Amino acid sequence: MRDDQRFEIERAFDLLPHVVGASWAVTWYRLNEIKKPSREEFRNKVIEYFDLLNPLFDSFSDSSGFKEIIGYINQRRNEEIEKIKNGHSKEIEKRYDRYIDYG
């Protein structure tokens, strides 16, 4: 697959974990007045909200013209979840630190 064919999907995966996952997680913690979740709790909440995007990730048809992009989407989804779980997502860690510091 050419880079230009997956460019927009790459950009989406660069943003979705922290724009959707972390933003919804922070909102959930604020509304529940939980000021000091552990990093692990926060990461799991981010993944919980990020997983709600699965119908979007699964939205391309299974026809042969989409097989490569579907494979790429599945790979990136799994990579992003692993990065979040392992604390290797800099944006998620930054969002956690900001929440803990400023609530």
Protein backbone atom coordinates (compact mmCIF):
# COMPACT_ATOMS: atom_id res chain seq x y z
CA MET A 1 0.00 0.00 0.00
CA ARG A 2 1.29 3.44 -0.89
CA ASP A 3 1.87 6.02 1.83
CA ASP A 4 -0.69 8.38 0.30
CA GLN A 5 -3.36 5.68 0.56
CA ARG A 6 -3.00 5.42 4.33
CA PHE A 7 -2.00 9.00 5.14
CA GLU A 8 -5.37 10.10 6.56
CA ILE A 9 -5.70 6.93 8.65
CA GLU A 10 -2.19 7.49 10.02
CA ARG A 11 -3.11 11.03 11.05
CA ALA A 12 -6.30 9.80 12.69
CA PHE A 13 -4.39 7.23 14.77
CA ASP A 14 -1.89 9.93 15.74
CA LEU A 15 -4.77 11.90 17.29
CA LEU A 16 -7.61 9.59 18.28
CA PRO A 17 -6.07 7.98 21.39
CA HIS A 18 -5.54 11.27 23.19
CA VAL A 19 -8.23 13.43 21.58
CA VAL A 20 -10.98 10.87 22.11
CA GLY A 21 -9.66 8.34 24.63
CA ALA A 22 -7.93 10.72 27.05
CA SER A 23 -10.46 13.55 26.71
CA TRP A 24 -13.38 11.27 27.51
CA ALA A 25 -11.43 9.61 30.33
CA VAL A 26 -10.57 12.96 31.93
CA THR A 27 -14.19 14.06 31.65
CA TRP A 28 -15.33 10.80 33.26
CA TYR A 29 -12.90 11.23 36.17
CA ARG A 30 -13.88 14.87 36.68
CA LEU A 31 -17.60 14.13 36.71
CA ASN A 32 -17.03 11.30 39.16
CA GLU A 33 -14.82 13.58 41.28
CA ILE A 34 -11.91 11.15 41.17
CA LYS A 35 -8.88 13.38 41.50
CA LYS A 36 -6.02 10.87 41.76
CA PRO A 37 -6.59 7.75 39.65
CA SER A 38 -3.54 5.56 39.29
CA ARG A 39 -1.72 5.63 35.95
CA GLU A 40 -2.95 2.12 35.26
CA GLU A 41 -6.56 3.09 36.00
CA PHE A 42 -6.25 6.13 33.75
CA ARG A 43 -4.69 4.12 30.91
CA ASN A 44 -7.43 1.50 31.17
CA LYS A 45 -10.12 4.19 31.05
CA VAL A 46 -8.47 5.71 27.96
CA ILE A 47 -8.46 2.29 26.28
CA GLU A 48 -12.10 1.77 27.27
CA TYR A 49 -13.12 4.96 25.46
CA PHE A 50 -10.72 4.38 22.56
CA ASP A 51 -12.32 0.93 22.08
CA LEU A 52 -15.69 2.61 21.55
CA LEU A 53 -14.30 3.63 18.16
CA ASN A 54 -14.11 0.00 17.02
CA PRO A 55 -17.23 0.29 14.82
CA LEU A 56 -15.48 3.12 12.99
CA PHE A 57 -12.29 1.06 12.63
CA ASP A 58 -14.36 -1.82 11.27
CA SER A 59 -16.38 0.29 8.86
CA PHE A 60 -14.61 -0.49 5.58
CA SER A 61 -16.10 -3.35 3.60
CA ASP A 62 -14.30 -6.65 3.54
CA SER A 63 -13.91 -6.50 -0.24
CA SER A 64 -10.51 -7.09 -1.77
CA GLY A 65 -9.97 -3.39 -2.45
CA PHE A 66 -9.88 -2.68 1.29
CA LYS A 67 -7.86 -5.64 2.60
CA GLU A 68 -4.60 -3.72 2.94
CA ILE A 69 -6.11 -0.71 4.69
CA ILE A 70 -8.12 -2.98 7.00
CA GLY A 71 -4.90 -4.79 7.92
CA TYR A 72 -3.17 -1.48 8.56
CA ILE A 73 -6.06 -0.20 10.71
CA ASN A 74 -6.03 -3.37 12.83
CA GLN A 75 -2.25 -3.17 13.22
CA ARG A 76 -2.33 0.49 14.28
CA ARG A 77 -5.24 -0.05 16.66
CA ASN A 78 -3.33 -2.84 18.39
CA GLU A 79 -0.10 -0.81 18.47
CA GLU A 80 -1.84 2.20 20.00
CA ILE A 81 -3.48 0.08 22.70
CA GLU A 82 -0.15 -1.55 23.57
CA LYS A 83 1.55 1.85 23.74
CA ILE A 84 -1.15 3.12 26.09
CA LYS A 85 -0.98 -0.01 28.29
CA ASN A 86 2.79 0.12 28.55
CA GLY A 87 3.03 3.86 29.18
CA HIS A 88 4.73 4.55 25.86
CA SER A 89 2.10 6.94 24.53
CA LYS A 90 3.63 10.33 25.32
CA GLU A 91 0.36 12.19 24.78
CA ILE A 92 -1.59 9.93 27.14
CA GLU A 93 1.09 10.23 29.81
CA LYS A 94 1.09 14.01 29.36
CA ARG A 95 -2.71 14.10 29.75
CA TYR A 96 -2.47 12.00 32.92
CA ASP A 97 0.18 14.28 34.42
CA ARG A 98 -1.87 17.36 33.57
CA TYR A 99 -4.99 15.87 35.15
CA ILE A 100 -3.17 14.88 38.33
CA ASP A 101 -1.53 18.31 38.59
CA TYR A 102 -4.57 20.45 37.73
CA GLY A 103 -7.60 18.15 38.13
